[in-house]
Amino acid sequence: MKTIALYAFCLFFAGAGIGHFLLEPFFIQAMPEWVPFRKAIVYISGVVEILLALGLFLKPTRERAGVLIAIFLVVVFPVNVYMALTPENFDLPPAALWIRLPLQVVLIWWVLKVRK
């Protein structure tokens, strides 16, 4: 079961990274306009997510990648807060934007469990 949870997280996180390239306008809009280099941040964070997912998948780097993913999820948390506070900017139900906040905690717990 733990192996399935590990692979599921890897696919989820890599998919999120790929999403940065396929849904670039959405990810740019997710950041406040005052943030500089938003397009570059979207691309860089997408690459980081893909590389971290790969690192989690590979046994020799799994432990470190899991910790780095948890840190990454904490660092990007303010973006989720911004989205929840500005629902008018998104074609998503406001409740969905608020649900993402505790979901971030679940993702951190999940990656810390499967990294061992």
PDB file of N, CA and C in Angstrom:
ATOM      1  N   MET A   1       0.825  -1.202   0.000  1.00  0.00           N
ATOM      2  CA  MET A   1       0.000   0.000   0.000  1.00  0.00           C
ATOM      3  C   MET A   1       0.871   1.269   0.000  1.00  0.00           C
ATOM      4  N   LYS A   2       1.969   1.224   0.775  1.00  0.00           N
ATOM      5  CA  LYS A   2       2.851   2.388   0.842  1.00  0.00           C
ATOM      6  C   LYS A   2       3.488   2.663  -0.518  1.00  0.00           C
ATOM      7  N   THR A   3       3.803   1.598  -1.251  1.00  0.00           N
ATOM      8  CA  THR A   3       4.391   1.770  -2.580  1.00  0.00           C
ATOM      9  C   THR A   3       3.403   2.458  -3.513  1.00  0.00           C
ATOM     10  N   ILE A   4       2.146   2.067  -3.441  1.00  0.00           N
ATOM     11  CA  ILE A   4       1.110   2.696  -4.270  1.00  0.00           C
ATOM     12  C   ILE A   4       0.977   4.173  -3.894  1.00  0.00           C
ATOM     13  N   ALA A   5       0.991   4.460  -2.590  1.00  0.00           N
ATOM     14  CA  ALA A   5       0.893   5.853  -2.140  1.00  0.00           C
ATOM     15  C   ALA A   5       2.092   6.662  -2.626  1.00  0.00           C
ATOM     16  N   LEU A   6       3.271   6.050  -2.619  1.00  0.00           N
ATOM     17  CA  LEU A   6       4.479   6.722  -3.104  1.00  0.00           C
ATOM     18  C   LEU A   6       4.357   7.043  -4.587  1.00  0.00           C
ATOM     19  N   TYR A   7       4.012   6.035  -5.383  1.00  0.00           N
ATOM     20  CA  TYR A   7       3.902   6.250  -6.832  1.00  0.00           C
ATOM     21  C   TYR A   7       2.785   7.231  -7.172  1.00  0.00           C
ATOM     22  N   ALA A   8       1.689   7.165  -6.423  1.00  0.00           N
ATOM     23  CA  ALA A   8       0.576   8.093  -6.661  1.00  0.00           C
ATOM     24  C   ALA A   8       1.033   9.528  -6.392  1.00  0.00           C
ATOM     25  N   PHE A   9       1.788   9.725  -5.302  1.00  0.00           N
ATOM     26  CA  PHE A   9       2.263  11.074  -5.012  1.00  0.00           C
ATOM     27  C   PHE A   9       3.223  11.549  -6.094  1.00  0.00           C
ATOM     28  N   CYS A  10       4.127  10.670  -6.523  1.00  0.00           N
ATOM     29  CA  CYS A  10       5.078  11.033  -7.581  1.00  0.00           C
ATOM     30  C   CYS A  10       4.340  11.463  -8.845  1.00  0.00           C
ATOM     31  N   LEU A  11       3.333  10.696  -9.245  1.00  0.00           N
ATOM     32  CA  LEU A  11       2.550  11.043 -10.438  1.00  0.00           C
ATOM     33  C   LEU A  11       1.804  12.359 -10.243  1.00  0.00           C
ATOM     34  N   PHE A  12       1.211  12.516  -9.072  1.00  0.00           N
ATOM     35  CA  PHE A  12       0.483  13.749  -8.770  1.00  0.00           C
ATOM     36  C   PHE A  12       1.406  14.966  -8.847  1.00  0.00           C
ATOM     37  N   PHE A  13       2.574  14.861  -8.207  1.00  0.00           N
ATOM     38  CA  PHE A  13       3.476  16.004  -8.147  1.00  0.00           C
ATOM     39  C   PHE A  13       4.098  16.299  -9.512  1.00  0.00           C
ATOM     40  N   ALA A  14       4.471  15.250 -10.238  1.00  0.00           N
ATOM     41  CA  ALA A  14       4.995  15.454 -11.597  1.00  0.00           C
ATOM     42  C   ALA A  14       3.911  16.054 -12.491  1.00  0.00           C
ATOM     43  N   GLY A  15       2.678  15.576 -12.331  1.00  0.00           N
ATOM     44  CA  GLY A  15       1.563  16.125 -13.102  1.00  0.00           C
ATOM     45  C   GLY A  15       1.328  17.591 -12.800  1.00  0.00           C
ATOM     46  N   ALA A  16       1.469  17.962 -11.535  1.00  0.00           N
ATOM     47  CA  ALA A  16       1.339  19.378 -11.166  1.00  0.00           C
ATOM     48  C   ALA A  16       2.439  20.194 -11.834  1.00  0.00           C
ATOM     49  N   GLY A  17       3.638  19.643 -11.875  1.00  0.00           N
ATOM     50  CA  GLY A  17       4.744  20.335 -12.534  1.00  0.00           C
ATOM     51  C   GLY A  17       4.500  20.517 -14.017  1.00  0.00           C
ATOM     52  N   ILE A  18       4.015  19.478 -14.664  1.00  0.00           N
ATOM     53  CA  ILE A  18       3.688  19.555 -16.096  1.00  0.00           C
ATOM     54  C   ILE A  18       2.572  20.580 -16.321  1.00  0.00           C
ATOM     55  N   GLY A  19       1.648  20.643 -15.374  1.00  0.00           N
ATOM     56  CA  GLY A  19       0.558  21.609 -15.463  1.00  0.00           C
ATOM     57  C   GLY A  19       1.041  23.052 -15.548  1.00  0.00           C
ATOM     58  N   HIS A  20       2.204  23.332 -14.954  1.00  0.00           N
ATOM     59  CA  HIS A  20       2.749  24.686 -15.033  1.00  0.00           C
ATOM     60  C   HIS A  20       3.022  25.102 -16.475  1.00  0.00           C
ATOM     61  N   PHE A  21       3.323  24.136 -17.322  1.00  0.00           N
ATOM     62  CA  PHE A  21       3.605  24.427 -18.734  1.00  0.00           C
ATOM     63  C   PHE A  21       2.332  24.397 -19.571  1.00  0.00           C
ATOM     64  N   LEU A  22       1.416  23.498 -19.232  1.00  0.00           N
ATOM     65  CA  LEU A  22       0.182  23.371 -20.013  1.00  0.00           C
ATOM     66  C   LEU A  22      -0.859  24.432 -19.647  1.00  0.00           C
ATOM     67  N   LEU A  23      -0.835  24.874 -18.398  1.00  0.00           N
ATOM     68  CA  LEU A  23      -1.815  25.849 -17.903  1.00  0.00           C
ATOM     69  C   LEU A  23      -1.123  27.110 -17.398  1.00  0.00           C
ATOM     70  N   GLU A  24      -0.103  27.517 -18.115  1.00  0.00           N
ATOM     71  CA  GLU A  24       0.719  28.659 -17.710  1.00  0.00           C
ATOM     72  C   GLU A  24      -0.104  29.894 -17.312  1.00  0.00           C
ATOM     73  N   PRO A  25      -1.107  30.310 -18.093  1.00  0.00           N
ATOM     74  CA  PRO A  25      -1.860  31.514 -17.702  1.00  0.00           C
ATOM     75  C   PRO A  25      -2.523  31.383 -16.328  1.00  0.00           C
ATOM     76  N   PHE A  26      -3.034  30.207 -16.020  1.00  0.00           N
ATOM     77  CA  PHE A  26      -3.661  29.984 -14.708  1.00  0.00           C
ATOM     78  C   PHE A  26      -2.645  30.180 -13.584  1.00  0.00           C
ATOM     79  N   PHE A  27      -1.471  29.589 -13.744  1.00  0.00           N
ATOM     80  CA  PHE A  27      -0.458  29.675 -12.704  1.00  0.00           C
ATOM     81  C   PHE A  27       0.096  31.090 -12.572  1.00  0.00           C
ATOM     82  N   ILE A  28       0.185  31.815 -13.661  1.00  0.00           N
ATOM     83  CA  ILE A  28       0.621  33.214 -13.588  1.00  0.00           C
ATOM     84  C   ILE A  28      -0.421  34.033 -12.836  1.00  0.00           C
ATOM     85  N   GLN A  29      -1.684  33.793 -13.147  1.00  0.00           N
ATOM     86  CA  GLN A  29      -2.779  34.523 -12.502  1.00  0.00           C
ATOM     87  C   GLN A  29      -2.875  34.190 -11.008  1.00  0.00           C
ATOM     88  N   ALA A  30      -2.336  33.044 -10.605  1.00  0.00           N
ATOM     89  CA  ALA A  30      -2.413  32.626  -9.206  1.00  0.00           C
ATOM     90  C   ALA A  30      -1.527  33.481  -8.302  1.00  0.00           C
ATOM     91  N   MET A  31      -0.636  34.245  -8.892  1.00  0.00           N
ATOM     92  CA  MET A  31       0.259  35.106  -8.112  1.00  0.00           C
ATOM     93  C   MET A  31      -0.191  36.561  -8.216  1.00  0.00           C
ATOM     94  N   PRO A  32      -0.009  37.318  -7.153  1.00  0.00           N
ATOM     95  CA  PRO A  32      -0.347  38.744  -7.226  1.00  0.00           C
ATOM     96  C   PRO A  32       0.454  39.437  -8.324  1.00  0.00           C
ATOM     97  N   GLU A  33      -0.127  40.480  -8.907  1.00  0.00           N
ATOM     98  CA  GLU A  33       0.531  41.186 -10.011  1.00  0.00           C
ATOM     99  C   GLU A  33       1.839  41.850  -9.597  1.00  0.00           C
ATOM    100  N   TRP A  34       2.008  42.145  -8.326  1.00  0.00           N
ATOM    101  CA  TRP A  34       3.225  42.815  -7.882  1.00  0.00           C
ATOM    102  C   TRP A  34       4.430  41.865  -7.823  1.00  0.00           C
ATOM    103  N   VAL A  35       4.184  40.567  -7.942  1.00  0.00           N
ATOM    104  CA  VAL A  35       5.293  39.607  -7.931  1.00  0.00           C
ATOM    105  C   VAL A  35       6.039  39.727  -9.264  1.00  0.00           C
ATOM    106  N   PRO A  36       7.352  39.990  -9.215  1.00  0.00           N
ATOM    107  CA  PRO A  36       8.105  40.119 -10.468  1.00  0.00           C
ATOM    108  C   PRO A  36       8.406  38.746 -11.084  1.00  0.00           C
ATOM    109  N   PHE A  37       8.625  38.740 -12.373  1.00  0.00           N
ATOM    110  CA  PHE A  37       9.052  37.532 -13.094  1.00  0.00           C
ATOM    111  C   PHE A  37       8.094  36.352 -12.902  1.00  0.00           C
ATOM    112  N   ARG A  38       6.802  36.636 -12.927  1.00  0.00           N
ATOM    113  CA  ARG A  38       5.817  35.586 -12.665  1.00  0.00           C
ATOM    114  C   ARG A  38       5.923  34.436 -13.655  1.00  0.00           C
ATOM    115  N   LYS A  39       6.108  34.737 -14.934  1.00  0.00           N
ATOM    116  CA  LYS A  39       6.209  33.676 -15.936  1.00  0.00           C
ATOM    117  C   LYS A  39       7.425  32.788 -15.660  1.00  0.00           C
ATOM    118  N   ALA A  40       8.547  33.394 -15.352  1.00  0.00           N
ATOM    119  CA  ALA A  40       9.754  32.627 -15.040  1.00  0.00           C
ATOM    120  C   ALA A  40       9.540  31.775 -13.788  1.00  0.00           C
ATOM    121  N   ILE A  41       8.870  32.338 -12.786  1.00  0.00           N
ATOM    122  CA  ILE A  41       8.593  31.592 -11.556  1.00  0.00           C
ATOM    123  C   ILE A  41       7.721  30.382 -11.856  1.00  0.00           C
ATOM    124  N   VAL A  42       6.738  30.552 -12.719  1.00  0.00           N
ATOM    125  CA  VAL A  42       5.863  29.432 -13.083  1.00  0.00           C
ATOM    126  C   VAL A  42       6.677  28.318 -13.734  1.00  0.00           C
ATOM    127  N   TYR A  43       7.525  28.670 -14.686  1.00  0.00           N
ATOM    128  CA  TYR A  43       8.335  27.657 -15.366  1.00  0.00           C
ATOM    129  C   TYR A  43       9.331  27.002 -14.415  1.00  0.00           C
ATOM    130  N   ILE A  44      10.008  27.804 -13.624  1.00  0.00           N
ATOM    131  CA  ILE A  44      11.008  27.263 -12.707  1.00  0.00           C
ATOM    132  C   ILE A  44      10.348  26.346 -11.675  1.00  0.00           C
ATOM    133  N   SER A  45       9.223  26.776 -11.125  1.00  0.00           N
ATOM    134  CA  SER A  45       8.552  25.934 -10.128  1.00  0.00           C
ATOM    135  C   SER A  45       8.010  24.655 -10.763  1.00  0.00           C
ATOM    136  N   GLY A  46       7.617  24.718 -12.026  1.00  0.00           N
ATOM    137  CA  GLY A  46       7.188  23.503 -12.724  1.00  0.00           C
ATOM    138  C   GLY A  46       8.335  22.520 -12.871  1.00  0.00           C
ATOM    139  N   VAL A  47       9.500  23.010 -13.260  1.00  0.00           N
ATOM    140  CA  VAL A  47      10.682  22.154 -13.384  1.00  0.00           C
ATOM    141  C   VAL A  47      11.060  21.581 -12.024  1.00  0.00           C
ATOM    142  N   VAL A  48      11.011  22.415 -10.987  1.00  0.00           N
ATOM    143  CA  VAL A  48      11.338  21.963  -9.634  1.00  0.00           C
ATOM    144  C   VAL A  48      10.390  20.836  -9.216  1.00  0.00           C
ATOM    145  N   GLU A  49       9.100  20.989  -9.471  1.00  0.00           N
ATOM    146  CA  GLU A  49       8.138  19.950  -9.096  1.00  0.00           C
ATOM    147  C   GLU A  49       8.423  18.641  -9.831  1.00  0.00           C
ATOM    148  N   ILE A  50       8.725  18.723 -11.104  1.00  0.00           N
ATOM    149  CA  ILE A  50       9.028  17.513 -11.871  1.00  0.00           C
ATOM    150  C   ILE A  50      10.290  16.844 -11.339  1.00  0.00           C
ATOM    151  N   LEU A  51      11.334  17.624 -11.096  1.00  0.00           N
ATOM    152  CA  LEU A  51      12.590  17.058 -10.583  1.00  0.00           C
ATOM    153  C   LEU A  51      12.418  16.482  -9.183  1.00  0.00           C
ATOM    154  N   LEU A  52      11.661  17.147  -8.337  1.00  0.00           N
ATOM    155  CA  LEU A  52      11.427  16.616  -6.998  1.00  0.00           C
ATOM    156  C   LEU A  52      10.601  15.333  -7.046  1.00  0.00           C
ATOM    157  N   ALA A  53       9.636  15.260  -7.953  1.00  0.00           N
ATOM    158  CA  ALA A  53       8.861  14.025  -8.107  1.00  0.00           C
ATOM    159  C   ALA A  53       9.774  12.878  -8.539  1.00  0.00           C
ATOM    160  N   LEU A  54      10.683  13.162  -9.452  1.00  0.00           N
ATOM    161  CA  LEU A  54      11.653  12.154  -9.885  1.00  0.00           C
ATOM    162  C   LEU A  54      12.561  11.752  -8.720  1.00  0.00           C
ATOM    163  N   GLY A  55      13.013  12.736  -7.955  1.00  0.00           N
ATOM    164  CA  GLY A  55      13.846  12.446  -6.795  1.00  0.00           C
ATOM    165  C   GLY A  55      13.124  11.593  -5.765  1.00  0.00           C
ATOM    166  N   LEU A  56      11.840  11.813  -5.587  1.00  0.00           N
ATOM    167  CA  LEU A  56      11.044  11.009  -4.658  1.00  0.00           C
ATOM    168  C   LEU A  56      10.874   9.589  -5.186  1.00  0.00           C
ATOM    169  N   PHE A  57      10.763   9.456  -6.476  1.00  0.00           N
ATOM    170  CA  PHE A  57      10.589   8.149  -7.111  1.00  0.00           C
ATOM    171  C   PHE A  57      11.839   7.284  -6.943  1.00  0.00           C
ATOM    172  N   LEU A  58      13.014   7.903  -7.033  1.00  0.00           N
ATOM    173  CA  LEU A  58      14.275   7.165  -6.973  1.00  0.00           C
ATOM    174  C   LEU A  58      14.685   6.922  -5.518  1.00  0.00           C
ATOM    175  N   LYS A  59      14.937   5.678  -5.193  1.00  0.00           N
ATOM    176  CA  LYS A  59      15.227   5.301  -3.812  1.00  0.00           C
ATOM    177  C   LYS A  59      16.420   6.051  -3.200  1.00  0.00           C
ATOM    178  N   PRO A  60      17.538   6.227  -3.916  1.00  0.00           N
ATOM    179  CA  PRO A  60      18.679   6.905  -3.285  1.00  0.00           C
ATOM    180  C   PRO A  60      18.410   8.357  -2.884  1.00  0.00           C
ATOM    181  N   THR A  61      17.476   9.016  -3.536  1.00  0.00           N
ATOM    182  CA  THR A  61      17.200  10.424  -3.241  1.00  0.00           C
ATOM    183  C   THR A  61      15.832  10.635  -2.588  1.00  0.00           C
ATOM    184  N   ARG A  62      15.151   9.557  -2.290  1.00  0.00           N
ATOM    185  CA  ARG A  62      13.757   9.639  -1.807  1.00  0.00           C
ATOM    186  C   ARG A  62      13.624  10.451  -0.524  1.00  0.00           C
ATOM    187  N   GLU A  63      14.447  10.152   0.464  1.00  0.00           N
ATOM    188  CA  GLU A  63      14.338  10.815   1.769  1.00  0.00           C
ATOM    189  C   GLU A  63      14.523  12.328   1.626  1.00  0.00           C
ATOM    190  N   ARG A  64      15.594  12.725   0.953  1.00  0.00           N
ATOM    191  CA  ARG A  64      15.887  14.155   0.793  1.00  0.00           C
ATOM    192  C   ARG A  64      14.817  14.846  -0.062  1.00  0.00           C
ATOM    193  N   ALA A  65      14.401  14.202  -1.136  1.00  0.00           N
ATOM    194  CA  ALA A  65      13.378  14.794  -2.009  1.00  0.00           C
ATOM    195  C   ALA A  65      12.066  14.976  -1.261  1.00  0.00           C
ATOM    196  N   GLY A  66      11.719  14.013  -0.407  1.00  0.00           N
ATOM    197  CA  GLY A  66      10.489  14.139   0.375  1.00  0.00           C
ATOM    198  C   GLY A  66      10.505  15.352   1.284  1.00  0.00           C
ATOM    199  N   VAL A  67      11.631  15.574   1.944  1.00  0.00           N
ATOM    200  CA  VAL A  67      11.764  16.745   2.813  1.00  0.00           C
ATOM    201  C   VAL A  67      11.713  18.028   1.979  1.00  0.00           C
ATOM    202  N   LEU A  68      12.389  18.024   0.834  1.00  0.00           N
ATOM    203  CA  LEU A  68      12.379  19.213  -0.028  1.00  0.00           C
ATOM    204  C   LEU A  68      10.981  19.498  -0.576  1.00  0.00           C
ATOM    205  N   ILE A  69      10.224  18.466  -0.889  1.00  0.00           N
ATOM    206  CA  ILE A  69       8.843  18.672  -1.350  1.00  0.00           C
ATOM    207  C   ILE A  69       8.012  19.300  -0.236  1.00  0.00           C
ATOM    208  N   ALA A  70       8.173  18.799   0.994  1.00  0.00           N
ATOM    209  CA  ALA A  70       7.431  19.375   2.121  1.00  0.00           C
ATOM    210  C   ALA A  70       7.772  20.851   2.279  1.00  0.00           C
ATOM    211  N   ILE A  71       9.046  21.191   2.169  1.00  0.00           N
ATOM    212  CA  ILE A  71       9.464  22.601   2.262  1.00  0.00           C
ATOM    213  C   ILE A  71       8.877  23.402   1.110  1.00  0.00           C
ATOM    214  N   PHE A  72       8.922  22.843  -0.088  1.00  0.00           N
ATOM    215  CA  PHE A  72       8.362  23.510  -1.270  1.00  0.00           C
ATOM    216  C   PHE A  72       6.876  23.805  -1.061  1.00  0.00           C
ATOM    217  N   LEU A  73       6.143  22.838  -0.519  1.00  0.00           N
ATOM    218  CA  LEU A  73       4.708  23.030  -0.296  1.00  0.00           C
ATOM    219  C   LEU A  73       4.442  24.136   0.724  1.00  0.00           C
ATOM    220  N   VAL A  74       5.313  24.283   1.706  1.00  0.00           N
ATOM    221  CA  VAL A  74       5.173  25.382   2.666  1.00  0.00           C
ATOM    222  C   VAL A  74       5.461  26.716   1.978  1.00  0.00           C
ATOM    223  N   VAL A  75       6.486  26.741   1.132  1.00  0.00           N
ATOM    224  CA  VAL A  75       6.882  27.978   0.447  1.00  0.00           C
ATOM    225  C   VAL A  75       5.786  28.473  -0.497  1.00  0.00           C
ATOM    226  N   VAL A  76       5.103  27.562  -1.189  1.00  0.00           N
ATOM    227  CA  VAL A  76       4.073  27.994  -2.145  1.00  0.00           C
ATOM    228  C   VAL A  76       2.704  28.187  -1.490  1.00  0.00           C
ATOM    229  N   PHE A  77       2.592  27.902  -0.199  1.00  0.00           N
ATOM    230  CA  PHE A  77       1.313  28.046   0.503  1.00  0.00           C
ATOM    231  C   PHE A  77       0.720  29.451   0.373  1.00  0.00           C
ATOM    232  N   PRO A  78       1.518  30.521   0.446  1.00  0.00           N
ATOM    233  CA  PRO A  78       0.931  31.863   0.292  1.00  0.00           C
ATOM    234  C   PRO A  78       0.191  32.060  -1.035  1.00  0.00           C
ATOM    235  N   VAL A  79       0.600  31.368  -2.073  1.00  0.00           N
ATOM    236  CA  VAL A  79      -0.128  31.463  -3.349  1.00  0.00           C
ATOM    237  C   VAL A  79      -1.545  30.923  -3.170  1.00  0.00           C
ATOM    238  N   ASN A  80      -1.678  29.816  -2.449  1.00  0.00           N
ATOM    239  CA  ASN A  80      -3.008  29.248  -2.208  1.00  0.00           C
ATOM    240  C   ASN A  80      -3.865  30.191  -1.366  1.00  0.00           C
ATOM    241  N   VAL A  81      -3.237  30.848  -0.404  1.00  0.00           N
ATOM    242  CA  VAL A  81      -3.968  31.821   0.417  1.00  0.00           C
ATOM    243  C   VAL A  81      -4.433  32.989  -0.458  1.00  0.00           C
ATOM    244  N   TYR A  82      -3.542  33.490  -1.305  1.00  0.00           N
ATOM    245  CA  TYR A  82      -3.908  34.585  -2.215  1.00  0.00           C
ATOM    246  C   TYR A  82      -5.095  34.180  -3.096  1.00  0.00           C
ATOM    247  N   MET A  83      -5.057  32.980  -3.620  1.00  0.00           N
ATOM    248  CA  MET A  83      -6.157  32.521  -4.479  1.00  0.00           C
ATOM    249  C   MET A  83      -7.467  32.454  -3.703  1.00  0.00           C
ATOM    250  N   ALA A  84      -7.416  31.952  -2.461  1.00  0.00           N
ATOM    251  CA  ALA A  84      -8.635  31.852  -1.652  1.00  0.00           C
ATOM    252  C   ALA A  84      -9.198  33.233  -1.327  1.00  0.00           C
ATOM    253  N   LEU A  85      -8.317  34.214  -1.168  1.00  0.00           N
ATOM    254  CA  LEU A  85      -8.757  35.569  -0.824  1.00  0.00           C
ATOM    255  C   LEU A  85      -9.217  36.379  -2.036  1.00  0.00           C
ATOM    256  N   THR A  86      -8.903  35.908  -3.241  1.00  0.00           N
ATOM    257  CA  THR A  86      -9.300  36.609  -4.466  1.00  0.00           C
ATOM    258  C   THR A  86     -10.029  35.650  -5.415  1.00  0.00           C
ATOM    259  N   PRO A  87     -11.131  35.052  -4.980  1.00  0.00           N
ATOM    260  CA  PRO A  87     -11.824  34.059  -5.809  1.00  0.00           C
ATOM    261  C   PRO A  87     -12.379  34.631  -7.113  1.00  0.00           C
ATOM    262  N   GLU A  88     -12.581  35.939  -7.150  1.00  0.00           N
ATOM    263  CA  GLU A  88     -13.114  36.559  -8.357  1.00  0.00           C
ATOM    264  C   GLU A  88     -12.140  36.459  -9.534  1.00  0.00           C
ATOM    265  N   ASN A  89     -10.894  36.163  -9.262  1.00  0.00           N
ATOM    266  CA  ASN A  89      -9.893  36.051 -10.321  1.00  0.00           C
ATOM    267  C   ASN A  89      -9.858  34.664 -10.986  1.00  0.00           C
ATOM    268  N   PHE A  90     -10.663  33.735 -10.488  1.00  0.00           N
ATOM    269  CA  PHE A  90     -10.554  32.360 -10.953  1.00  0.00           C
ATOM    270  C   PHE A  90     -11.909  31.773 -11.309  1.00  0.00           C
ATOM    271  N   ASP A  91     -11.893  30.868 -12.253  1.00  0.00           N
ATOM    272  CA  ASP A  91     -13.126  30.184 -12.667  1.00  0.00           C
ATOM    273  C   ASP A  91     -13.312  28.915 -11.845  1.00  0.00           C
ATOM    274  N   LEU A  92     -13.157  29.047 -10.553  1.00  0.00           N
ATOM    275  CA  LEU A  92     -13.330  27.932  -9.624  1.00  0.00           C
ATOM    276  C   LEU A  92     -14.265  28.380  -8.513  1.00  0.00           C
ATOM    277  N   PRO A  93     -15.017  27.458  -7.949  1.00  0.00           N
ATOM    278  CA  PRO A  93     -15.864  27.841  -6.816  1.00  0.00           C
ATOM    279  C   PRO A  93     -14.986  28.303  -5.643  1.00  0.00           C
ATOM    280  N   PRO A  94     -15.383  29.369  -4.966  1.00  0.00           N
ATOM    281  CA  PRO A  94     -14.595  29.838  -3.822  1.00  0.00           C
ATOM    282  C   PRO A  94     -14.309  28.734  -2.796  1.00  0.00           C
ATOM    283  N   ALA A  95     -15.278  27.855  -2.585  1.00  0.00           N
ATOM    284  CA  ALA A  95     -15.072  26.763  -1.618  1.00  0.00           C
ATOM    285  C   ALA A  95     -13.899  25.880  -2.027  1.00  0.00           C
ATOM    286  N   ALA A  96     -13.747  25.663  -3.320  1.00  0.00           N
ATOM    287  CA  ALA A  96     -12.628  24.832  -3.800  1.00  0.00           C
ATOM    288  C   ALA A  96     -11.291  25.500  -3.477  1.00  0.00           C
ATOM    289  N   LEU A  97     -11.238  26.813  -3.574  1.00  0.00           N
ATOM    290  CA  LEU A  97     -10.008  27.536  -3.273  1.00  0.00           C
ATOM    291  C   LEU A  97      -9.674  27.459  -1.785  1.00  0.00           C
ATOM    292  N   TRP A  98     -10.694  27.463  -0.937  1.00  0.00           N
ATOM    293  CA  TRP A  98     -10.465  27.354   0.503  1.00  0.00           C
ATOM    294  C   TRP A  98     -10.104  25.921   0.901  1.00  0.00           C
ATOM    295  N   ILE A  99     -10.651  24.947   0.213  1.00  0.00           N
ATOM    296  CA  ILE A  99     -10.344  23.540   0.512  1.00  0.00           C
ATOM    297  C   ILE A  99      -8.875  23.238   0.230  1.00  0.00           C
ATOM    298  N   ARG A 100      -8.296  23.947  -0.722  1.00  0.00           N
ATOM    299  CA  ARG A 100      -6.886  23.732  -1.054  1.00  0.00           C
ATOM    300  C   ARG A 100      -5.964  24.020   0.128  1.00  0.00           C
ATOM    301  N   LEU A 101      -6.380  24.889   1.039  1.00  0.00           N
ATOM    302  CA  LEU A 101      -5.508  25.256   2.156  1.00  0.00           C
ATOM    303  C   LEU A 101      -5.237  24.070   3.085  1.00  0.00           C
ATOM    304  N   PRO A 102      -6.263  23.417   3.628  1.00  0.00           N
ATOM    305  CA  PRO A 102      -5.960  22.240   4.461  1.00  0.00           C
ATOM    306  C   PRO A 102      -5.426  21.065   3.630  1.00  0.00           C
ATOM    307  N   LEU A 103      -5.749  21.034   2.345  1.00  0.00           N
ATOM    308  CA  LEU A 103      -5.220  19.981   1.485  1.00  0.00           C
ATOM    309  C   LEU A 103      -3.692  20.051   1.424  1.00  0.00           C
ATOM    310  N   GLN A 104      -3.146  21.238   1.518  1.00  0.00           N
ATOM    311  CA  GLN A 104      -1.688  21.408   1.505  1.00  0.00           C
ATOM    312  C   GLN A 104      -1.070  20.674   2.704  1.00  0.00           C
ATOM    313  N   VAL A 105      -1.733  20.727   3.841  1.00  0.00           N
ATOM    314  CA  VAL A 105      -1.251  20.018   5.035  1.00  0.00           C
ATOM    315  C   VAL A 105      -1.291  18.515   4.793  1.00  0.00           C
ATOM    316  N   VAL A 106      -2.344  18.044   4.155  1.00  0.00           N
ATOM    317  CA  VAL A 106      -2.459  16.619   3.825  1.00  0.00           C
ATOM    318  C   VAL A 106      -1.331  16.196   2.880  1.00  0.00           C
ATOM    319  N   LEU A 107      -1.031  17.027   1.901  1.00  0.00           N
ATOM    320  CA  LEU A 107       0.052  16.704   0.967  1.00  0.00           C
ATOM    321  C   LEU A 107       1.401  16.638   1.678  1.00  0.00           C
ATOM    322  N   ILE A 108       1.631  17.546   2.609  1.00  0.00           N
ATOM    323  CA  ILE A 108       2.884  17.529   3.366  1.00  0.00           C
ATOM    324  C   ILE A 108       2.967  16.249   4.200  1.00  0.00           C
ATOM    325  N   TRP A 109       1.889  15.912   4.880  1.00  0.00           N
ATOM    326  CA  TRP A 109       1.860  14.670   5.658  1.00  0.00           C
ATOM    327  C   TRP A 109       2.118  13.470   4.765  1.00  0.00           C
ATOM    328  N   TRP A 110       1.441  13.436   3.611  1.00  0.00           N
ATOM    329  CA  TRP A 110       1.550  12.321   2.674  1.00  0.00           C
ATOM    330  C   TRP A 110       3.000  12.134   2.217  1.00  0.00           C
ATOM    331  N   VAL A 111       3.647  13.204   1.773  1.00  0.00           N
ATOM    332  CA  VAL A 111       5.013  13.062   1.254  1.00  0.00           C
ATOM    333  C   VAL A 111       5.986  12.690   2.376  1.00  0.00           C
ATOM    334  N   LEU A 112       5.762  13.191   3.564  1.00  0.00           N
ATOM    335  CA  LEU A 112       6.659  12.825   4.649  1.00  0.00           C
ATOM    336  C   LEU A 112       6.489  11.359   5.048  1.00  0.00           C
ATOM    337  N   LYS A 113       5.301  10.803   4.873  1.00  0.00           N
ATOM    338  CA  LYS A 113       5.066   9.383   5.144  1.00  0.00           C
ATOM    339  C   LYS A 113       5.723   8.478   4.092  1.00  0.00           C
ATOM    340  N   VAL A 114       5.588   8.839   2.827  1.00  0.00           N
ATOM    341  CA  VAL A 114       6.072   7.942   1.761  1.00  0.00           C
ATOM    342  C   VAL A 114       7.572   8.089   1.504  1.00  0.00           C
ATOM    343  N   ARG A 115       8.217   9.098   2.056  1.00  0.00           N
ATOM    344  CA  ARG A 115       9.629   9.301   1.779  1.00  0.00           C
ATOM    345  C   ARG A 115      10.520   8.295   2.493  1.00  0.00           C
ATOM    346  N   LYS A 116      10.014   7.617   3.503  1.00  0.00           N
ATOM    347  CA  LYS A 116      10.827   6.692   4.298  1.00  0.00           C
ATOM    348  C   LYS A 116      10.887   5.315   3.682  1.00  0.00           C
TER     349      LYS A 116
END
